[in-house]
C-alpha atoms as a PDB file:
ATOM      1  CA  MET A   1    -131.237  -9.705  -0.701  1.00  0.00           C
ATOM      2  CA  TRP A   2    -132.488 -12.366   1.694  1.00  0.00           C
ATOM      3  CA  ILE A   3    -135.773 -10.508   2.176  1.00  0.00           C
ATOM      4  CA  SER A   4    -136.329 -10.471  -1.571  1.00  0.00           C
ATOM      5  CA  ASN A   5    -135.319 -14.123  -1.792  1.00  0.00           C
ATOM      6  CA  LEU A   6    -138.000 -14.970   0.777  1.00  0.00           C
ATOM      7  CA  ASP A   7    -140.493 -12.801  -1.164  1.00  0.00           C
ATOM      8  CA  ARG A   8    -141.017 -10.556   1.844  1.00  0.00           C
ATOM      9  CA  LEU A   9    -140.474  -7.176   0.201  1.00  0.00           C
ATOM     10  CA  PRO A  10    -143.386  -4.868   0.960  1.00  0.00           C
ATOM     11  CA  THR A  11    -144.375  -4.516  -2.674  1.00  0.00           C
ATOM     12  CA  ARG A  12    -147.618  -2.809  -3.546  1.00  0.00           C
ATOM     13  CA  ALA A  13    -149.285  -6.168  -4.209  1.00  0.00           C
ATOM     14  CA  ARG A  14    -148.392  -7.317  -0.691  1.00  0.00           C
ATOM     15  CA  LEU A  15    -149.489  -4.007   0.834  1.00  0.00           C
ATOM     16  CA  VAL A  16    -152.858  -4.316  -0.922  1.00  0.00           C
ATOM     17  CA  SER A  17    -153.185  -7.893   0.374  1.00  0.00           C
ATOM     18  CA  TRP A  18    -152.683  -6.496   3.883  1.00  0.00           C
ATOM     19  CA  GLY A  19    -155.645  -4.172   3.358  1.00  0.00           C
ATOM     20  CA  LEU A  20    -153.979  -0.900   2.385  1.00  0.00           C
ATOM     21  CA  GLN A  21    -156.028   1.169  -0.033  1.00  0.00           C
ATOM     22  CA  ILE A  22    -153.339   1.915  -2.619  1.00  0.00           C
ATOM     23  CA  SER A  23    -152.850   1.209  -6.280  1.00  0.00           C
ATOM     24  CA  PRO A  24    -151.223  -2.191  -6.812  1.00  0.00           C
ATOM     25  CA  LEU A  25    -149.476  -0.972  -9.981  1.00  0.00           C
ATOM     26  CA  CYS A  26    -145.697  -0.872 -10.234  1.00  0.00           C
ATOM     27  CA  CYS A  27    -144.136   2.441  -9.199  1.00  0.00           C
ATOM     28  CA  LEU A  28    -141.574   2.201 -11.983  1.00  0.00           C
ATOM     29  CA  CYS A  29    -143.769   1.421 -15.001  1.00  0.00           C
ATOM     30  CA  SER A  30    -147.414   1.755 -13.872  1.00  0.00           C
ATOM     31  CA  GLN A  31    -148.303  -1.113 -16.214  1.00  0.00           C
ATOM     32  CA  SER A  32    -148.373  -4.267 -14.081  1.00  0.00           C
ATOM     33  CA  VAL A  33    -149.090  -5.279 -10.526  1.00  0.00           C
ATOM     34  CA  GLU A  34    -146.020  -4.639  -8.397  1.00  0.00           C
ATOM     35  CA  THR A  35    -144.918  -8.076  -7.231  1.00  0.00           C
ATOM     36  CA  ARG A  36    -141.348  -8.991  -6.383  1.00  0.00           C
ATOM     37  CA  ASP A  37    -140.851 -10.800  -9.680  1.00  0.00           C
ATOM     38  CA  HIS A  38    -142.312  -7.961 -11.714  1.00  0.00           C
ATOM     39  CA  LEU A  39    -140.505  -5.163  -9.891  1.00  0.00           C
ATOM     40  CA  ILE A  40    -137.076  -6.778  -9.756  1.00  0.00           C
ATOM     41  CA  LEU A  41    -137.118  -8.901 -12.908  1.00  0.00           C
ATOM     42  CA  THR A  42    -139.730  -8.190 -15.573  1.00  0.00           C
ATOM     43  CA  CYS A  43    -140.496  -4.481 -15.293  1.00  0.00           C
ATOM     44  CA  GLY A  44    -139.140  -2.674 -18.356  1.00  0.00           C
ATOM     45  CA  PHE A  45    -137.144  -0.355 -16.108  1.00  0.00           C
ATOM     46  CA  SER A  46    -135.531  -3.259 -14.268  1.00  0.00           C
ATOM     47  CA  SER A  47    -134.965  -5.256 -17.448  1.00  0.00           C
ATOM     48  CA  SER A  48    -132.939  -2.410 -18.915  1.00  0.00           C
ATOM     49  CA  ILE A  49    -130.717  -2.408 -15.819  1.00  0.00           C
ATOM     50  CA  TRP A  50    -130.275  -6.194 -15.973  1.00  0.00           C
ATOM     51  CA  ASN A  51    -129.337  -5.864 -19.659  1.00  0.00           C
ATOM     52  CA  MET A  52    -126.625  -3.314 -18.812  1.00  0.00           C
ATOM     53  CA  VAL A  53    -125.282  -5.526 -16.039  1.00  0.00           C
ATOM     54  CA  GLN A  54    -125.169  -8.582 -18.281  1.00  0.00           C
ATOM     55  CA  ALA A  55    -123.543  -6.582 -21.069  1.00  0.00           C
ATOM     56  CA  ARG A  56    -120.814  -5.534 -18.624  1.00  0.00           C
ATOM     57  CA  LEU A  57    -120.224  -9.219 -17.889  1.00  0.00           C
ATOM     58  CA  ARG A  58    -120.163  -9.850 -21.651  1.00  0.00           C
ATOM     59  CA  LEU A  59    -123.042 -12.281 -21.385  1.00  0.00           C
ATOM     60  CA  GLN A  60    -125.953 -12.845 -23.694  1.00  0.00           C
ATOM     61  CA  PRO A  61    -128.899 -10.968 -22.176  1.00  0.00           C
ATOM     62  CA  VAL A  62    -131.170 -13.280 -20.235  1.00  0.00           C
ATOM     63  CA  GLN A  63    -134.671 -12.113 -19.426  1.00  0.00           C
ATOM     64  CA  PHE A  64    -135.543 -13.327 -15.961  1.00  0.00           C
ATOM     65  CA  ARG A  65    -139.249 -14.137 -15.737  1.00  0.00           C
ATOM     66  CA  VAL A  66    -139.362 -15.737 -12.296  1.00  0.00           C
ATOM     67  CA  TRP A  67    -137.155 -15.535  -9.232  1.00  0.00           C
ATOM     68  CA  GLU A  68    -135.926 -19.097  -9.682  1.00  0.00           C
ATOM     69  CA  SER A  69    -134.421 -18.166 -13.057  1.00  0.00           C
ATOM     70  CA  LEU A  70    -132.380 -15.430 -11.362  1.00  0.00           C
ATOM     71  CA  LEU A  71    -131.214 -17.898  -8.713  1.00  0.00           C
ATOM     72  CA  SER A  72    -130.207 -20.369 -11.426  1.00  0.00           C
ATOM     73  CA  TRP A  73    -128.310 -17.623 -13.256  1.00  0.00           C
ATOM     74  CA  ILE A  74    -126.466 -16.719 -10.050  1.00  0.00           C
ATOM     75  CA  LYS A  75    -125.374 -20.324  -9.542  1.00  0.00           C
ATOM     76  CA  LEU A  76    -123.931 -20.649 -13.053  1.00  0.00           C
ATOM     77  CA  SER A  77    -120.190 -20.343 -13.083  1.00  0.00           C
ATOM     78  CA  THR A  78    -118.019 -19.816 -16.125  1.00  0.00           C
ATOM     79  CA  ALA A  79    -114.425 -18.715 -16.507  1.00  0.00           C
ATOM     80  CA  SER A  80    -115.507 -15.277 -17.694  1.00  0.00           C
ATOM     81  CA  SER A  81    -118.359 -14.941 -15.205  1.00  0.00           C
ATOM     82  CA  PRO A  82    -117.861 -16.940 -12.010  1.00  0.00           C
ATOM     83  CA  SER A  83    -120.677 -17.418  -9.553  1.00  0.00           C
ATOM     84  CA  ILE A  84    -119.096 -15.077  -7.008  1.00  0.00           C
ATOM     85  CA  ILE A  85    -119.300 -12.082  -9.345  1.00  0.00           C
ATOM     86  CA  ARG A  86    -122.836 -13.027 -10.325  1.00  0.00           C
ATOM     87  CA  LYS A  87    -123.756 -13.004  -6.633  1.00  0.00           C
ATOM     88  CA  LEU A  88    -122.243  -9.551  -6.186  1.00  0.00           C
ATOM     89  CA  VAL A  89    -124.004  -8.293  -9.299  1.00  0.00           C
ATOM     90  CA  ALA A  90    -127.364  -9.754  -8.320  1.00  0.00           C
ATOM     91  CA  GLN A  91    -127.223  -8.325  -4.817  1.00  0.00           C
ATOM     92  CA  ALA A  92    -126.187  -4.871  -5.999  1.00  0.00           C
ATOM     93  CA  THR A  93    -128.810  -4.848  -8.756  1.00  0.00           C
ATOM     94  CA  VAL A  94    -131.699  -6.022  -6.585  1.00  0.00           C
ATOM     95  CA  CYS A  95    -130.764  -3.465  -3.941  1.00  0.00           C
ATOM     96  CA  ALA A  96    -130.467  -0.650  -6.494  1.00  0.00           C
ATOM     97  CA  ILE A  97    -133.838  -1.428  -8.076  1.00  0.00           C
ATOM     98  CA  TRP A  98    -135.546  -1.562  -4.679  1.00  0.00           C
ATOM     99  CA  LYS A  99    -133.846   1.684  -3.676  1.00  0.00           C
ATOM    100  CA  GLN A 100    -135.043   3.387  -6.867  1.00  0.00           C
ATOM    101  CA  ARG A 101    -138.563   2.103  -6.290  1.00  0.00           C
ATOM    102  CA  ASN A 102    -138.548   3.646  -2.817  1.00  0.00           C
ATOM    103  CA  ASN A 103    -136.907   6.817  -4.087  1.00  0.00           C
ATOM    104  CA  LEU A 104    -139.630   7.257  -6.680  1.00  0.00           C
ATOM    105  CA  LEU A 105    -142.418   6.337  -4.271  1.00  0.00           C
ATOM    106  CA  HIS A 106    -141.310   8.524  -1.356  1.00  0.00           C
ATOM    107  CA  ASN A 107    -139.261  11.319  -2.943  1.00  0.00           C
ATOM    108  CA  LEU A 108    -140.756  11.444  -6.445  1.00  0.00           C
ATOM    109  CA  GLN A 109    -137.238  11.288  -7.902  1.00  0.00           C
ATOM    110  CA  ASP A 110    -136.998   9.433 -11.174  1.00  0.00           C
ATOM    111  CA  ILE A 111    -133.434   8.344 -11.914  1.00  0.00           C
ATOM    112  CA  LEU A 112    -132.462   6.962 -15.309  1.00  0.00           C
ATOM    113  CA  PRO A 113    -131.452   3.291 -15.537  1.00  0.00           C
ATOM    114  CA  SER A 114    -128.023   4.338 -16.848  1.00  0.00           C
ATOM    115  CA  ILE A 115    -127.383   6.344 -13.664  1.00  0.00           C
ATOM    116  CA  ILE A 116    -128.544   3.437 -11.531  1.00  0.00           C
ATOM    117  CA  PHE A 117    -126.179   1.182 -13.456  1.00  0.00           C
ATOM    118  CA  LYS A 118    -123.309   3.567 -12.668  1.00  0.00           C
ATOM    119  CA  ASN A 119    -124.201   3.240  -8.987  1.00  0.00           C
ATOM    120  CA  ILE A 120    -124.271  -0.551  -9.304  1.00  0.00           C
ATOM    121  CA  ASP A 121    -120.903  -0.433 -11.048  1.00  0.00           C
ATOM    122  CA  ARG A 122    -119.414   1.630  -8.223  1.00  0.00           C
ATOM    123  CA  GLU A 123    -120.926  -0.705  -5.604  1.00  0.00           C
ATOM    124  CA  ILE A 124    -119.418  -3.771  -7.256  1.00  0.00           C
ATOM    125  CA  ILE A 125    -116.010  -2.127  -7.634  1.00  0.00           C
ATOM    126  CA  ASN A 126    -116.089  -1.133  -3.965  1.00  0.00           C
ATOM    127  CA  SER A 127    -117.110  -4.652  -2.920  1.00  0.00           C
ATOM    128  CA  ILE A 128    -114.306  -6.213  -4.923  1.00  0.00           C
ATOM    129  CA  ASN A 129    -111.751  -3.699  -3.619  1.00  0.00           C
ATOM    130  CA  ALA A 130    -112.794  -4.359  -0.043  1.00  0.00           C
ATOM    131  CA  ARG A 131    -112.157  -8.069  -0.526  1.00  0.00           C
ATOM    132  CA  CYS A 132    -109.146  -7.970  -2.857  1.00  0.00           C
ATOM    133  CA  HIS A 133    -106.970  -9.755  -0.295  1.00  0.00           C
ATOM    134  CA  ARG A 134    -109.186 -12.854  -0.480  1.00  0.00           C
ATOM    135  CA  ARG A 135    -108.151 -15.494  -2.984  1.00  0.00           C
ATOM    136  CA  LYS A 136    -111.606 -15.734  -4.613  1.00  0.00           C
ATOM    137  CA  PHE A 137    -111.720 -12.002  -5.287  1.00  0.00           C
ATOM    138  CA  ARG A 138    -108.254 -11.400  -6.749  1.00  0.00           C
ATOM    139  CA  SER A 139    -109.250 -11.778 -10.390  1.00  0.00           C
ATOM    140  CA  LEU A 140    -112.768 -10.367 -10.162  1.00  0.00           C
ATOM    141  CA  MET A 141    -111.873  -6.750 -10.846  1.00  0.00           C
ATOM    142  CA  ARG A 142    -110.361  -7.705 -14.179  1.00  0.00           C
ATOM    143  CA  LEU A 143    -113.500  -9.676 -15.058  1.00  0.00           C
ATOM    144  CA  TRP A 144    -115.808  -6.830 -14.071  1.00  0.00           C
ATOM    145  CA  ILE A 145    -113.960  -3.911 -15.664  1.00  0.00           C
ATOM    146  CA  ARG A 146    -112.526  -5.492 -18.843  1.00  0.00           C
END
């Protein structure tokens, strides 16, 4: 996630800026230039995944338009959605979207957002289980699964 936070993902827009002769359009939607913010946050494909994640947390869907709005969302902490679970969710979601982008680009495999969400769900459950002995993580499974 730190590479995406620093805006260093080799998105198509960045590759074009480095001189590669490729289409700058998003691999997932083919409608906008593939920047970090578009690919991870505003692409219709990614937005549907973020909506599923937020629904699982029982939160009102928030449409992230810029990276800073995602960072602000991560820092919010409520009783039903503490910051620690938001961090886990954000990391798993960003990673899953980037993985799907690469999967589509290199393997031509298009996976439905619902399947990607299932993978995110499994990743979060595994992360919580691996840390269940830590005080901060003891109640997270209940908050995630509800």
